[in-house]
């Protein structure tokens, strides 16, 4: 798990904390190239990552690949 994965996950957790009323009522699609979903399925997570995983599990979040940018 890279440092960038942790930063993206922390950004997602912070966003869900601030916008939780909106996240409870709607499905959220996160487009990213980072494997956030795979990070949480690893068996050797730190306590911090486990608490983040539990916190994010209460929302209906779908992860999709970012794809290419159109100019």
Protein backbone atom coordinates (compact mmCIF):
# COMPACT_ATOMS: atom_id res chain seq x y z
CA UNK A 1 0.00 0.00 0.00
CA UNK A 2 1.54 3.22 -1.17
CA UNK A 3 1.52 6.64 0.40
CA UNK A 4 -0.73 7.90 -2.38
CA UNK A 5 -3.36 5.25 -1.56
CA UNK A 6 -3.45 6.42 2.04
CA UNK A 7 -3.85 10.07 0.98
CA UNK A 8 -6.73 9.27 -1.37
CA UNK A 9 -8.42 7.16 1.29
CA UNK A 10 -8.02 9.92 3.89
CA UNK A 11 -9.52 12.44 1.44
CA UNK A 12 -12.51 10.15 0.92
CA UNK A 13 -13.00 9.65 4.66
CA UNK A 14 -12.78 13.40 5.31
CA UNK A 15 -15.29 14.10 2.54
CA UNK A 16 -17.76 11.54 3.89
CA UNK A 17 -17.48 13.03 7.38
CA UNK A 18 -18.29 16.51 6.13
CA UNK A 19 -20.99 15.51 3.66
CA UNK A 20 -22.54 12.55 5.46
CA UNK A 21 -26.17 13.80 5.19
CA UNK A 22 -25.85 13.77 1.41
CA UNK A 23 -24.00 10.45 1.31
CA UNK A 24 -26.69 8.70 3.37
CA UNK A 25 -29.41 9.57 0.89
CA UNK A 26 -27.63 8.86 -2.39
CA UNK A 27 -25.36 6.38 -4.06
CA UNK A 28 -21.86 7.81 -4.49
CA UNK A 29 -19.58 6.85 -7.37
CA UNK A 30 -15.88 7.49 -6.79
CA UNK A 31 -13.84 7.59 -9.97
CA UNK A 32 -10.19 6.96 -9.22
CA UNK A 33 -7.23 5.03 -10.51
CA UNK A 34 -6.19 4.12 -6.96
CA UNK A 35 -7.33 0.68 -5.77
CA UNK A 36 -9.17 1.92 -2.67
CA UNK A 37 -11.52 -1.07 -2.66
CA UNK A 38 -8.58 -3.49 -2.82
CA UNK A 39 -6.73 -1.64 -0.05
CA UNK A 40 -9.55 -2.33 2.41
CA UNK A 41 -9.67 -6.04 1.56
CA UNK A 42 -6.06 -6.67 2.66
CA UNK A 43 -5.77 -8.68 5.87
CA UNK A 44 -2.87 -6.70 7.39
CA UNK A 45 -4.45 -3.26 7.82
CA UNK A 46 -3.50 -0.83 10.55
CA UNK A 47 -6.07 0.20 13.15
CA UNK A 48 -6.54 3.51 11.41
CA UNK A 49 -7.34 1.84 8.08
CA UNK A 50 -9.73 -0.59 9.78
CA UNK A 51 -11.63 2.29 11.38
CA UNK A 52 -11.76 4.09 8.01
CA UNK A 53 -13.08 0.93 6.37
CA UNK A 54 -15.84 0.62 8.96
CA UNK A 55 -16.70 4.30 8.61
CA UNK A 56 -16.97 4.09 4.82
CA UNK A 57 -18.95 0.85 4.88
CA UNK A 58 -22.09 2.64 6.11
CA UNK A 59 -22.38 4.52 2.80
CA UNK A 60 -23.36 3.22 -0.64
CA UNK A 61 -20.04 3.94 -2.36
CA UNK A 62 -19.11 2.40 -5.72
CA UNK A 63 -15.56 2.60 -7.06
CA UNK A 64 -15.00 2.91 -10.80
CA UNK A 65 -11.82 3.43 -12.82
CA UNK A 66 -11.13 7.02 -13.82
CA UNK A 67 -10.64 6.44 -17.54
CA UNK A 68 -9.08 8.79 -20.03
CA UNK A 69 -9.56 12.56 -20.08
CA UNK A 70 -11.07 14.12 -23.18
CA UNK A 71 -9.65 17.41 -24.32
